[in-house]
N, C-alpha and C. Protein backbone atom coordinates (compact mmCIF):
# COMPACT_ATOMS: atom_id res chain seq x y z
N MET A 1 13.23 -189.51 233.18
CA MET A 1 12.98 -188.10 232.96
C MET A 1 11.81 -187.95 231.97
N ILE A 2 11.00 -186.93 232.23
CA ILE A 2 9.81 -186.68 231.41
C ILE A 2 9.90 -185.26 230.86
N GLU A 3 9.45 -185.10 229.62
CA GLU A 3 9.42 -183.77 229.02
C GLU A 3 8.27 -182.96 229.61
N VAL A 4 8.56 -181.74 230.01
CA VAL A 4 7.53 -180.84 230.55
C VAL A 4 6.65 -180.39 229.38
N PRO A 5 5.33 -180.63 229.46
CA PRO A 5 4.45 -180.24 228.35
C PRO A 5 4.25 -178.73 228.29
N GLY A 6 3.98 -178.24 227.10
CA GLY A 6 3.67 -176.83 226.92
C GLY A 6 2.24 -176.54 227.36
N VAL A 7 2.06 -175.49 228.13
CA VAL A 7 0.72 -175.13 228.63
C VAL A 7 0.41 -173.65 228.39
N PHE A 8 1.25 -172.97 227.63
CA PHE A 8 1.08 -171.54 227.41
C PHE A 8 -0.33 -171.20 226.91
N ASN A 9 -0.95 -170.23 227.55
CA ASN A 9 -2.24 -169.67 227.18
C ASN A 9 -3.44 -170.59 227.46
N LEU A 10 -3.22 -171.68 228.18
CA LEU A 10 -4.33 -172.55 228.58
C LEU A 10 -4.98 -171.97 229.84
N PRO A 11 -6.27 -172.25 230.06
CA PRO A 11 -6.89 -171.87 231.33
C PRO A 11 -6.15 -172.56 232.48
N ALA A 12 -6.12 -171.93 233.63
CA ALA A 12 -5.35 -172.42 234.77
C ALA A 12 -5.64 -173.88 235.11
N ALA A 13 -6.90 -174.24 235.22
CA ALA A 13 -7.27 -175.61 235.60
C ALA A 13 -6.81 -176.63 234.56
N GLU A 14 -6.94 -176.28 233.29
CA GLU A 14 -6.53 -177.19 232.22
C GLU A 14 -5.01 -177.38 232.21
N ALA A 15 -4.27 -176.29 232.42
CA ALA A 15 -2.81 -176.36 232.46
C ALA A 15 -2.34 -177.23 233.62
N LYS A 16 -2.94 -177.05 234.79
CA LYS A 16 -2.58 -177.83 235.97
C LYS A 16 -2.86 -179.31 235.72
N LYS A 17 -4.00 -179.62 235.16
CA LYS A 17 -4.38 -181.00 234.87
C LYS A 17 -3.40 -181.64 233.88
N LYS A 18 -3.01 -180.90 232.85
CA LYS A 18 -2.09 -181.42 231.85
C LYS A 18 -0.74 -181.77 232.47
N LEU A 19 -0.26 -180.92 233.36
CA LEU A 19 1.01 -181.18 234.03
C LEU A 19 0.90 -182.38 234.97
N GLU A 20 -0.20 -182.46 235.70
CA GLU A 20 -0.40 -183.59 236.62
C GLU A 20 -0.52 -184.90 235.86
N GLN A 21 -1.22 -184.89 234.73
CA GLN A 21 -1.36 -186.10 233.93
C GLN A 21 -0.02 -186.56 233.35
N ALA A 22 0.90 -185.63 233.17
CA ALA A 22 2.23 -185.98 232.67
C ALA A 22 3.09 -186.59 233.77
N GLY A 23 2.62 -186.53 235.02
CA GLY A 23 3.35 -187.15 236.12
C GLY A 23 4.05 -186.20 237.07
N PHE A 24 3.68 -184.92 237.02
CA PHE A 24 4.32 -183.92 237.87
C PHE A 24 3.39 -183.43 238.98
N LYS A 25 4.00 -182.93 240.06
CA LYS A 25 3.28 -182.18 241.08
C LYS A 25 3.31 -180.73 240.60
N VAL A 26 2.30 -179.95 240.98
CA VAL A 26 2.21 -178.58 240.47
C VAL A 26 2.09 -177.59 241.62
N LYS A 27 2.93 -176.56 241.58
CA LYS A 27 2.83 -175.43 242.50
C LYS A 27 2.43 -174.23 241.66
N VAL A 28 1.35 -173.57 242.04
CA VAL A 28 0.82 -172.45 241.26
C VAL A 28 1.35 -171.12 241.79
N ALA A 29 1.83 -170.28 240.89
CA ALA A 29 2.28 -168.92 241.22
C ALA A 29 1.43 -167.96 240.41
N LYS A 30 0.63 -167.14 241.10
CA LYS A 30 -0.27 -166.21 240.39
C LYS A 30 0.34 -164.82 240.32
N ARG A 31 0.16 -164.22 239.15
CA ARG A 31 0.52 -162.82 238.94
C ARG A 31 -0.72 -162.15 238.35
N TYR A 32 -0.99 -160.96 238.76
CA TYR A 32 -2.19 -160.25 238.32
C TYR A 32 -3.43 -161.06 238.71
N PHE A 33 -4.27 -161.41 237.76
CA PHE A 33 -5.51 -162.13 238.09
C PHE A 33 -5.30 -163.64 238.16
N GLY A 34 -4.26 -164.15 237.53
CA GLY A 34 -3.89 -165.55 237.65
C GLY A 34 -4.89 -166.53 237.08
N GLN A 35 -5.40 -166.28 235.88
CA GLN A 35 -6.39 -167.17 235.27
C GLN A 35 -5.86 -167.96 234.07
N THR A 36 -4.71 -167.54 233.52
CA THR A 36 -4.19 -168.14 232.29
C THR A 36 -2.73 -168.52 232.47
N ALA A 37 -2.36 -169.71 231.96
CA ALA A 37 -0.97 -170.17 232.04
C ALA A 37 -0.06 -169.30 231.20
N TRP A 38 1.05 -168.88 231.80
CA TRP A 38 2.03 -168.06 231.09
C TRP A 38 3.31 -168.86 230.84
N SER A 39 3.79 -169.57 231.87
CA SER A 39 5.03 -170.33 231.72
C SER A 39 5.12 -171.37 232.83
N THR A 40 6.13 -172.23 232.70
CA THR A 40 6.43 -173.20 233.74
C THR A 40 7.91 -173.13 234.06
N GLU A 41 8.26 -173.59 235.24
CA GLU A 41 9.66 -173.71 235.65
C GLU A 41 9.86 -175.12 236.17
N PRO A 42 10.64 -175.98 235.52
CA PRO A 42 11.36 -175.75 234.29
C PRO A 42 10.43 -175.55 233.10
N GLY A 43 10.95 -174.98 232.05
CA GLY A 43 10.16 -174.61 230.88
C GLY A 43 9.69 -175.78 230.03
N ALA A 44 8.72 -175.50 229.19
CA ALA A 44 8.18 -176.50 228.26
C ALA A 44 9.29 -177.07 227.40
N GLY A 45 9.26 -178.39 227.23
CA GLY A 45 10.25 -179.07 226.41
C GLY A 45 11.48 -179.51 227.17
N GLN A 46 11.67 -179.00 228.39
CA GLN A 46 12.80 -179.44 229.20
C GLN A 46 12.45 -180.75 229.89
N LEU A 47 13.45 -181.47 230.35
CA LEU A 47 13.24 -182.74 231.03
C LEU A 47 13.29 -182.56 232.54
N ALA A 48 12.40 -183.26 233.23
CA ALA A 48 12.36 -183.22 234.70
C ALA A 48 11.98 -184.62 235.19
N PRO A 49 12.42 -184.99 236.39
CA PRO A 49 12.09 -186.31 236.93
C PRO A 49 10.58 -186.45 237.18
N LYS A 50 10.04 -187.63 236.92
CA LYS A 50 8.63 -187.91 237.21
C LYS A 50 8.39 -187.68 238.70
N GLY A 51 7.29 -187.00 239.02
CA GLY A 51 6.95 -186.72 240.42
C GLY A 51 7.56 -185.44 240.96
N SER A 52 8.40 -184.78 240.16
CA SER A 52 8.99 -183.53 240.64
C SER A 52 7.95 -182.42 240.56
N THR A 53 8.25 -181.32 241.24
CA THR A 53 7.32 -180.19 241.28
C THR A 53 7.63 -179.19 240.17
N ILE A 54 6.58 -178.85 239.43
CA ILE A 54 6.69 -177.86 238.37
C ILE A 54 5.97 -176.60 238.85
N ILE A 55 6.61 -175.45 238.69
CA ILE A 55 5.96 -174.19 239.05
C ILE A 55 5.18 -173.70 237.83
N LEU A 56 3.89 -173.51 238.01
CA LEU A 56 3.00 -173.02 236.95
C LEU A 56 2.74 -171.55 237.20
N ASN A 57 3.25 -170.70 236.32
CA ASN A 57 3.04 -169.25 236.44
C ASN A 57 1.80 -168.84 235.69
N LEU A 58 0.89 -168.20 236.40
CA LEU A 58 -0.39 -167.74 235.83
C LEU A 58 -0.43 -166.23 235.78
N VAL A 59 -1.07 -165.71 234.73
CA VAL A 59 -1.29 -164.26 234.63
C VAL A 59 -2.75 -163.99 234.37
């Protein structure tokens, strides 16, 4: 299990890269203009299996 890194307020591309470098697949969910990271599912600090899909919510 790997801890999901915090990406709040990072630019979308940087947040996606940070999650991928931690060993996760990333599915992007855009709200409004979708340029800035708002949250992840599961949330930052939670544990998830390596290679699992993290939902990156952008606003």
